[in-house]
Amino acid sequence: MGSFEGGGLPPDDIVVSALRAGDEEMFAALLDTWSRGMLRVARSYVSTDHSAEEVVQDTWLAVIDGIGAFEARSSIKTWVYRILVNTAKKRGVRESRTLPWSAFERDGAPPREFGPSPDGRVGAVAAWPTPEGEALAAEVRALIAEALGRLPPRQRVVISLRDVEGCTSEEVCEILEISPANQRVLLHRARTAVRGWLAGYYEAVKQPE
């Protein structure tokens, strides 16, 4: 199949054909590309990181078992994430509760800083280069993780898919099986809540000593 390094994933038809043929390299490429994002989304529904990991594992098993029945009515990524969300929902119901989501930390060292952008999206902002700035960046990450953890699960997963995973509104609607209007309302409420919780912090940081 060849290496995928630097070139991203091939078109869906090639991905699907390779998975159906049991291509281990293609499966490994999908794991490397999607698993971290899948963990973040799963963590929106379940109470521990370990539970999220099990949800992702169960999802990949379901993907392998079901790839023969994939009908290409949506993208392969949307199909995989829909399986993930359904699996996570069932696991979350069994656990009876969802604890605050804190999956912004990746391998102990988050790769980028987060904060509100002019268009209202909770996205990337410039990193602070100084030691003092790094401490502020860590505090901001913690505040955003806490803010997301306060959101109702449906708002949390929508803002996670849109602003963290970079999914389009159409993809989110397909993954969560919700209407465009519902997606817009959930995203608006989530962004408004997160911006409101962070507003006091940013105002305090801007004030001169």
C-alpha atoms as a PDB file:
ATOM      1  CA  MET A   1       0.000   0.000   0.000  1.00  0.00           C
ATOM      2  CA  GLY A   2       2.948   2.311   0.581  1.00  0.00           C
ATOM      3  CA  SER A   3       3.644   4.938   3.221  1.00  0.00           C
ATOM      4  CA  PHE A   4       1.144   7.648   4.149  1.00  0.00           C
ATOM      5  CA  GLU A   5       3.665   9.917   5.863  1.00  0.00           C
ATOM      6  CA  GLY A   6       3.218  13.554   4.927  1.00  0.00           C
ATOM      7  CA  GLY A   7       0.462  12.780   2.455  1.00  0.00           C
ATOM      8  CA  GLY A   8      -2.536  12.248   4.700  1.00  0.00           C
ATOM      9  CA  LEU A   9      -5.094   9.563   4.087  1.00  0.00           C
ATOM     10  CA  PRO A  10      -6.069   8.494   0.565  1.00  0.00           C
ATOM     11  CA  PRO A  11      -9.628   8.884  -0.779  1.00  0.00           C
ATOM     12  CA  ASP A  12     -12.413   7.023   0.964  1.00  0.00           C
ATOM     13  CA  ASP A  13     -12.846   4.378  -1.723  1.00  0.00           C
ATOM     14  CA  ILE A  14      -9.213   3.351  -1.354  1.00  0.00           C
ATOM     15  CA  VAL A  15      -9.466   3.354   2.445  1.00  0.00           C
ATOM     16  CA  VAL A  16     -12.577   1.199   2.388  1.00  0.00           C
ATOM     17  CA  SER A  17     -11.139  -1.258  -0.125  1.00  0.00           C
ATOM     18  CA  ALA A  18      -7.974  -1.602   1.931  1.00  0.00           C
ATOM     19  CA  LEU A  19      -9.893  -2.184   5.159  1.00  0.00           C
ATOM     20  CA  ARG A  20     -12.056  -4.805   3.515  1.00  0.00           C
ATOM     21  CA  ALA A  21      -8.895  -6.513   2.279  1.00  0.00           C
ATOM     22  CA  GLY A  22      -7.439  -6.549   5.800  1.00  0.00           C
ATOM     23  CA  ASP A  23      -4.659  -4.070   4.994  1.00  0.00           C
ATOM     24  CA  GLU A  24      -2.842  -3.616   8.322  1.00  0.00           C
ATOM     25  CA  GLU A  25      -0.930  -0.538   7.164  1.00  0.00           C
ATOM     26  CA  MET A  26      -4.123   1.279   6.274  1.00  0.00           C
ATOM     27  CA  PHE A  27      -5.680   0.343   9.611  1.00  0.00           C
ATOM     28  CA  ALA A  28      -2.588   1.610  11.425  1.00  0.00           C
ATOM     29  CA  ALA A  29      -2.770   4.882   9.486  1.00  0.00           C
ATOM     30  CA  LEU A  30      -6.382   5.393  10.554  1.00  0.00           C
ATOM     31  CA  LEU A  31      -5.479   4.639  14.164  1.00  0.00           C
ATOM     32  CA  ASP A  32      -2.661   7.182  14.085  1.00  0.00           C
ATOM     33  CA  THR A  33      -4.814   9.842  12.426  1.00  0.00           C
ATOM     34  CA  TRP A  34      -8.124   9.531  14.270  1.00  0.00           C
ATOM     35  CA  SER A  35      -7.660   7.777  17.617  1.00  0.00           C
ATOM     36  CA  ARG A  36      -6.706  10.840  19.671  1.00  0.00           C
ATOM     37  CA  GLY A  37      -9.691  12.784  18.440  1.00  0.00           C
ATOM     38  CA  MET A  38     -11.909   9.775  19.044  1.00  0.00           C
ATOM     39  CA  LEU A  39     -10.668   9.600  22.631  1.00  0.00           C
ATOM     40  CA  ARG A  40     -11.600  13.246  23.203  1.00  0.00           C
ATOM     41  CA  VAL A  41     -15.101  12.745  21.845  1.00  0.00           C
ATOM     42  CA  ALA A  42     -15.613   9.511  23.784  1.00  0.00           C
ATOM     43  CA  ARG A  43     -14.482  11.278  26.970  1.00  0.00           C
ATOM     44  CA  SER A  44     -17.442  13.633  26.564  1.00  0.00           C
ATOM     45  CA  TYR A  45     -19.760  10.736  27.379  1.00  0.00           C
ATOM     46  CA  VAL A  46     -17.898   8.526  29.851  1.00  0.00           C
ATOM     47  CA  SER A  47     -16.465   9.084  33.303  1.00  0.00           C
ATOM     48  CA  THR A  48     -12.804   8.061  32.987  1.00  0.00           C
ATOM     49  CA  ASP A  49      -9.952   8.025  30.490  1.00  0.00           C
ATOM     50  CA  HIS A  50      -9.886   4.238  30.760  1.00  0.00           C
ATOM     51  CA  SER A  51     -13.544   4.044  29.773  1.00  0.00           C
ATOM     52  CA  ALA A  52     -12.868   6.313  26.792  1.00  0.00           C
ATOM     53  CA  GLU A  53     -10.017   4.063  25.679  1.00  0.00           C
ATOM     54  CA  GLU A  54     -12.304   1.038  25.864  1.00  0.00           C
ATOM     55  CA  VAL A  55     -14.956   2.872  23.838  1.00  0.00           C
ATOM     56  CA  VAL A  56     -12.398   3.614  21.119  1.00  0.00           C
ATOM     57  CA  GLN A  57     -11.223   0.004  21.114  1.00  0.00           C
ATOM     58  CA  ASP A  58     -14.800  -1.250  20.846  1.00  0.00           C
ATOM     59  CA  THR A  59     -15.407   1.218  18.031  1.00  0.00           C
ATOM     60  CA  TRP A  60     -12.469  -0.044  15.980  1.00  0.00           C
ATOM     61  CA  LEU A  61     -13.630  -3.619  16.493  1.00  0.00           C
ATOM     62  CA  ALA A  62     -17.078  -2.618  15.248  1.00  0.00           C
ATOM     63  CA  VAL A  63     -15.503  -0.879  12.262  1.00  0.00           C
ATOM     64  CA  ILE A  64     -13.568  -4.016  11.323  1.00  0.00           C
ATOM     65  CA  ASP A  65     -16.657  -6.179  11.746  1.00  0.00           C
ATOM     66  CA  GLY A  66     -18.934  -3.805   9.845  1.00  0.00           C
ATOM     67  CA  ILE A  67     -16.751  -2.462   7.035  1.00  0.00           C
ATOM     68  CA  GLY A  68     -18.203  -4.996   4.630  1.00  0.00           C
ATOM     69  CA  ALA A  69     -21.625  -3.423   5.078  1.00  0.00           C
ATOM     70  CA  PHE A  70     -20.421   0.195   4.682  1.00  0.00           C
ATOM     71  CA  GLU A  71     -22.554   1.750   1.916  1.00  0.00           C
ATOM     72  CA  ALA A  72     -20.683   5.072   1.455  1.00  0.00           C
ATOM     73  CA  ARG A  73     -23.765   7.147   2.261  1.00  0.00           C
ATOM     74  CA  SER A  74     -21.423   9.336   4.294  1.00  0.00           C
ATOM     75  CA  SER A  75     -17.658   9.680   4.546  1.00  0.00           C
ATOM     76  CA  ILE A  76     -15.779   6.836   6.200  1.00  0.00           C
ATOM     77  CA  LYS A  77     -14.726   9.217   8.991  1.00  0.00           C
ATOM     78  CA  THR A  78     -18.322  10.241   9.670  1.00  0.00           C
ATOM     79  CA  TRP A  79     -19.352   6.582   9.753  1.00  0.00           C
ATOM     80  CA  VAL A  80     -16.578   5.714  12.207  1.00  0.00           C
ATOM     81  CA  TYR A  81     -17.400   8.658  14.466  1.00  0.00           C
ATOM     82  CA  ARG A  82     -21.093   7.758  14.435  1.00  0.00           C
ATOM     83  CA  ILE A  83     -20.200   4.280  15.674  1.00  0.00           C
ATOM     84  CA  LEU A  84     -17.977   5.904  18.292  1.00  0.00           C
ATOM     85  CA  VAL A  85     -20.712   8.210  19.580  1.00  0.00           C
ATOM     86  CA  ASN A  86     -23.286   5.421  19.769  1.00  0.00           C
ATOM     87  CA  THR A  87     -20.809   3.192  21.611  1.00  0.00           C
ATOM     88  CA  ALA A  88     -19.870   5.992  24.005  1.00  0.00           C
ATOM     89  CA  LYS A  89     -23.513   6.834  24.702  1.00  0.00           C
ATOM     90  CA  LYS A  90     -24.269   3.251  25.684  1.00  0.00           C
ATOM     91  CA  ARG A  91     -21.201   3.140  27.917  1.00  0.00           C
ATOM     92  CA  GLY A  92     -22.115   6.473  29.498  1.00  0.00           C
ATOM     93  CA  VAL A  93     -25.629   5.299  30.294  1.00  0.00           C
ATOM     94  CA  ARG A  94     -24.199   2.263  32.046  1.00  0.00           C
ATOM     95  CA  GLU A  95     -21.915   4.460  34.101  1.00  0.00           C
ATOM     96  CA  SER A  96     -24.921   6.641  35.049  1.00  0.00           C
ATOM     97  CA  ARG A  97     -22.907   9.843  35.149  1.00  0.00           C
ATOM     98  CA  THR A  98     -20.356  11.889  33.200  1.00  0.00           C
ATOM     99  CA  LEU A  99     -17.485  13.636  34.975  1.00  0.00           C
ATOM    100  CA  PRO A 100     -15.811  16.827  33.692  1.00  0.00           C
ATOM    101  CA  TRP A 101     -14.058  16.340  30.379  1.00  0.00           C
ATOM    102  CA  SER A 102     -10.315  17.039  30.496  1.00  0.00           C
ATOM    103  CA  ALA A 103      -8.928  15.588  27.294  1.00  0.00           C
ATOM    104  CA  PHE A 104      -7.067  18.652  26.109  1.00  0.00           C
ATOM    105  CA  GLU A 105      -3.864  17.221  27.561  1.00  0.00           C
ATOM    106  CA  ARG A 106      -2.214  15.085  24.873  1.00  0.00           C
ATOM    107  CA  ASP A 107       0.634  12.827  25.966  1.00  0.00           C
ATOM    108  CA  GLY A 108       1.233  15.165  28.887  1.00  0.00           C
ATOM    109  CA  ALA A 109       2.120  18.093  26.602  1.00  0.00           C
ATOM    110  CA  PRO A 110      -0.676  19.824  24.681  1.00  0.00           C
ATOM    111  CA  PRO A 111       0.535  20.866  21.206  1.00  0.00           C
ATOM    112  CA  ARG A 112      -1.291  24.166  21.019  1.00  0.00           C
ATOM    113  CA  GLU A 113      -2.972  26.827  23.114  1.00  0.00           C
ATOM    114  CA  PHE A 114      -6.697  27.463  23.116  1.00  0.00           C
ATOM    115  CA  GLY A 115      -8.797  30.544  23.558  1.00  0.00           C
ATOM    116  CA  PRO A 116     -11.712  32.438  22.016  1.00  0.00           C
ATOM    117  CA  SER A 117     -11.218  33.684  18.447  1.00  0.00           C
ATOM    118  CA  PRO A 118     -12.896  36.708  16.791  1.00  0.00           C
ATOM    119  CA  ASP A 119     -15.499  34.522  15.043  1.00  0.00           C
ATOM    120  CA  GLY A 120     -16.618  33.066  18.364  1.00  0.00           C
ATOM    121  CA  ARG A 121     -14.885  29.737  17.858  1.00  0.00           C
ATOM    122  CA  VAL A 122     -12.930  28.219  20.721  1.00  0.00           C
ATOM    123  CA  GLY A 123      -9.754  27.610  18.757  1.00  0.00           C
ATOM    124  CA  ALA A 124      -6.026  28.104  18.604  1.00  0.00           C
ATOM    125  CA  VAL A 125      -4.371  31.296  19.761  1.00  0.00           C
ATOM    126  CA  ALA A 126      -0.718  32.296  19.764  1.00  0.00           C
ATOM    127  CA  ALA A 127       1.455  30.638  22.383  1.00  0.00           C
ATOM    128  CA  TRP A 128       3.310  32.671  24.968  1.00  0.00           C
ATOM    129  CA  PRO A 129       7.082  32.189  24.508  1.00  0.00           C
ATOM    130  CA  THR A 130       8.294  33.174  27.993  1.00  0.00           C
ATOM    131  CA  PRO A 131       8.330  30.972  31.108  1.00  0.00           C
ATOM    132  CA  GLU A 132       5.733  33.284  32.632  1.00  0.00           C
ATOM    133  CA  GLY A 133       3.680  32.968  29.449  1.00  0.00           C
ATOM    134  CA  GLU A 134       3.931  29.211  29.521  1.00  0.00           C
ATOM    135  CA  ALA A 135       2.454  29.230  33.007  1.00  0.00           C
ATOM    136  CA  LEU A 136      -0.406  31.404  31.749  1.00  0.00           C
ATOM    137  CA  ALA A 137      -0.943  29.056  28.813  1.00  0.00           C
ATOM    138  CA  ALA A 138      -1.186  26.080  31.146  1.00  0.00           C
ATOM    139  CA  GLU A 139      -3.702  27.973  33.252  1.00  0.00           C
ATOM    140  CA  VAL A 140      -5.771  28.820  30.173  1.00  0.00           C
ATOM    141  CA  ARG A 141      -5.808  25.167  29.112  1.00  0.00           C
ATOM    142  CA  ALA A 142      -6.998  24.174  32.557  1.00  0.00           C
ATOM    143  CA  LEU A 143      -9.702  26.846  32.513  1.00  0.00           C
ATOM    144  CA  ILE A 144     -10.972  25.753  29.101  1.00  0.00           C
ATOM    145  CA  ALA A 145     -10.993  22.096  30.137  1.00  0.00           C
ATOM    146  CA  GLU A 146     -12.947  23.088  33.244  1.00  0.00           C
ATOM    147  CA  ALA A 147     -15.346  25.222  31.198  1.00  0.00           C
ATOM    148  CA  LEU A 148     -16.007  22.396  28.750  1.00  0.00           C
ATOM    149  CA  GLY A 149     -16.536  20.052  31.669  1.00  0.00           C
ATOM    150  CA  ARG A 150     -19.362  22.269  32.906  1.00  0.00           C
ATOM    151  CA  LEU A 151     -21.271  21.997  29.645  1.00  0.00           C
ATOM    152  CA  PRO A 152     -24.141  19.554  29.175  1.00  0.00           C
ATOM    153  CA  PRO A 153     -22.881  16.481  27.273  1.00  0.00           C
ATOM    154  CA  ARG A 154     -24.629  17.358  23.994  1.00  0.00           C
ATOM    155  CA  GLN A 155     -23.153  20.855  23.926  1.00  0.00           C
ATOM    156  CA  ARG A 156     -19.755  19.512  24.937  1.00  0.00           C
ATOM    157  CA  VAL A 157     -19.565  16.952  22.144  1.00  0.00           C
ATOM    158  CA  VAL A 158     -20.724  19.450  19.502  1.00  0.00           C
ATOM    159  CA  ILE A 159     -18.130  22.053  20.444  1.00  0.00           C
ATOM    160  CA  SER A 160     -15.482  19.315  20.703  1.00  0.00           C
ATOM    161  CA  LEU A 161     -16.225  18.054  17.194  1.00  0.00           C
ATOM    162  CA  ARG A 162     -16.459  21.534  15.649  1.00  0.00           C
ATOM    163  CA  ASP A 163     -13.765  23.537  17.447  1.00  0.00           C
ATOM    164  CA  VAL A 164     -11.298  20.857  18.519  1.00  0.00           C
ATOM    165  CA  GLU A 165     -11.621  18.178  15.836  1.00  0.00           C
ATOM    166  CA  GLY A 166     -12.366  20.624  13.028  1.00  0.00           C
ATOM    167  CA  CYS A 167     -15.455  18.813  11.729  1.00  0.00           C
ATOM    168  CA  THR A 168     -17.865  20.725   9.510  1.00  0.00           C
ATOM    169  CA  SER A 169     -21.417  21.398  10.620  1.00  0.00           C
ATOM    170  CA  GLU A 170     -22.632  18.831   8.100  1.00  0.00           C
ATOM    171  CA  GLU A 171     -20.303  16.171   9.504  1.00  0.00           C
ATOM    172  CA  VAL A 172     -21.419  16.898  13.058  1.00  0.00           C
ATOM    173  CA  CYS A 173     -25.060  16.568  12.047  1.00  0.00           C
ATOM    174  CA  GLU A 174     -24.339  13.202  10.452  1.00  0.00           C
ATOM    175  CA  ILE A 175     -22.220  11.926  13.339  1.00  0.00           C
ATOM    176  CA  LEU A 176     -24.708  12.929  16.037  1.00  0.00           C
ATOM    177  CA  GLU A 177     -27.796  12.452  13.854  1.00  0.00           C
ATOM    178  CA  ILE A 178     -29.157  15.902  14.682  1.00  0.00           C
ATOM    179  CA  SER A 179     -30.656  18.644  12.540  1.00  0.00           C
ATOM    180  CA  PRO A 180     -28.607  21.633  11.299  1.00  0.00           C
ATOM    181  CA  ALA A 181     -30.729  23.931  13.452  1.00  0.00           C
ATOM    182  CA  ASN A 182     -30.102  21.815  16.541  1.00  0.00           C
ATOM    183  CA  GLN A 183     -26.377  21.750  15.807  1.00  0.00           C
ATOM    184  CA  ARG A 184     -26.278  25.537  15.498  1.00  0.00           C
ATOM    185  CA  VAL A 185     -28.163  26.036  18.763  1.00  0.00           C
ATOM    186  CA  LEU A 186     -25.974  23.607  20.699  1.00  0.00           C
ATOM    187  CA  LEU A 187     -22.774  25.112  19.291  1.00  0.00           C
ATOM    188  CA  HIS A 188     -23.917  28.679  19.961  1.00  0.00           C
ATOM    189  CA  ARG A 189     -24.862  27.880  23.550  1.00  0.00           C
ATOM    190  CA  ALA A 190     -21.592  26.035  24.149  1.00  0.00           C
ATOM    191  CA  ARG A 191     -19.428  28.795  22.687  1.00  0.00           C
ATOM    192  CA  THR A 192     -21.341  31.484  24.578  1.00  0.00           C
ATOM    193  CA  ALA A 193     -20.953  29.621  27.859  1.00  0.00           C
ATOM    194  CA  VAL A 194     -17.233  28.968  27.382  1.00  0.00           C
ATOM    195  CA  ARG A 195     -16.556  32.585  26.349  1.00  0.00           C
ATOM    196  CA  GLY A 196     -18.495  33.810  29.362  1.00  0.00           C
ATOM    197  CA  TRP A 197     -16.536  31.642  31.783  1.00  0.00           C
ATOM    198  CA  LEU A 198     -13.237  32.751  30.247  1.00  0.00           C
ATOM    199  CA  ALA A 199     -14.048  36.449  29.934  1.00  0.00           C
ATOM    200  CA  GLY A 200     -13.100  37.317  33.498  1.00  0.00           C
ATOM    201  CA  TYR A 201      -9.771  35.539  33.189  1.00  0.00           C
ATOM    202  CA  TYR A 202      -8.776  37.305  29.964  1.00  0.00           C
ATOM    203  CA  GLU A 203      -9.758  40.699  31.339  1.00  0.00           C
ATOM    204  CA  ALA A 204      -7.586  40.079  34.392  1.00  0.00           C
ATOM    205  CA  VAL A 205      -4.617  39.066  32.209  1.00  0.00           C
ATOM    206  CA  LYS A 206      -4.927  42.221  30.087  1.00  0.00           C
ATOM    207  CA  GLN A 207      -4.838  44.553  33.078  1.00  0.00           C
ATOM    208  CA  PRO A 208      -1.402  46.164  33.685  1.00  0.00           C
ATOM    209  CA  GLU A 209       0.303  45.660  36.988  1.00  0.00           C
END
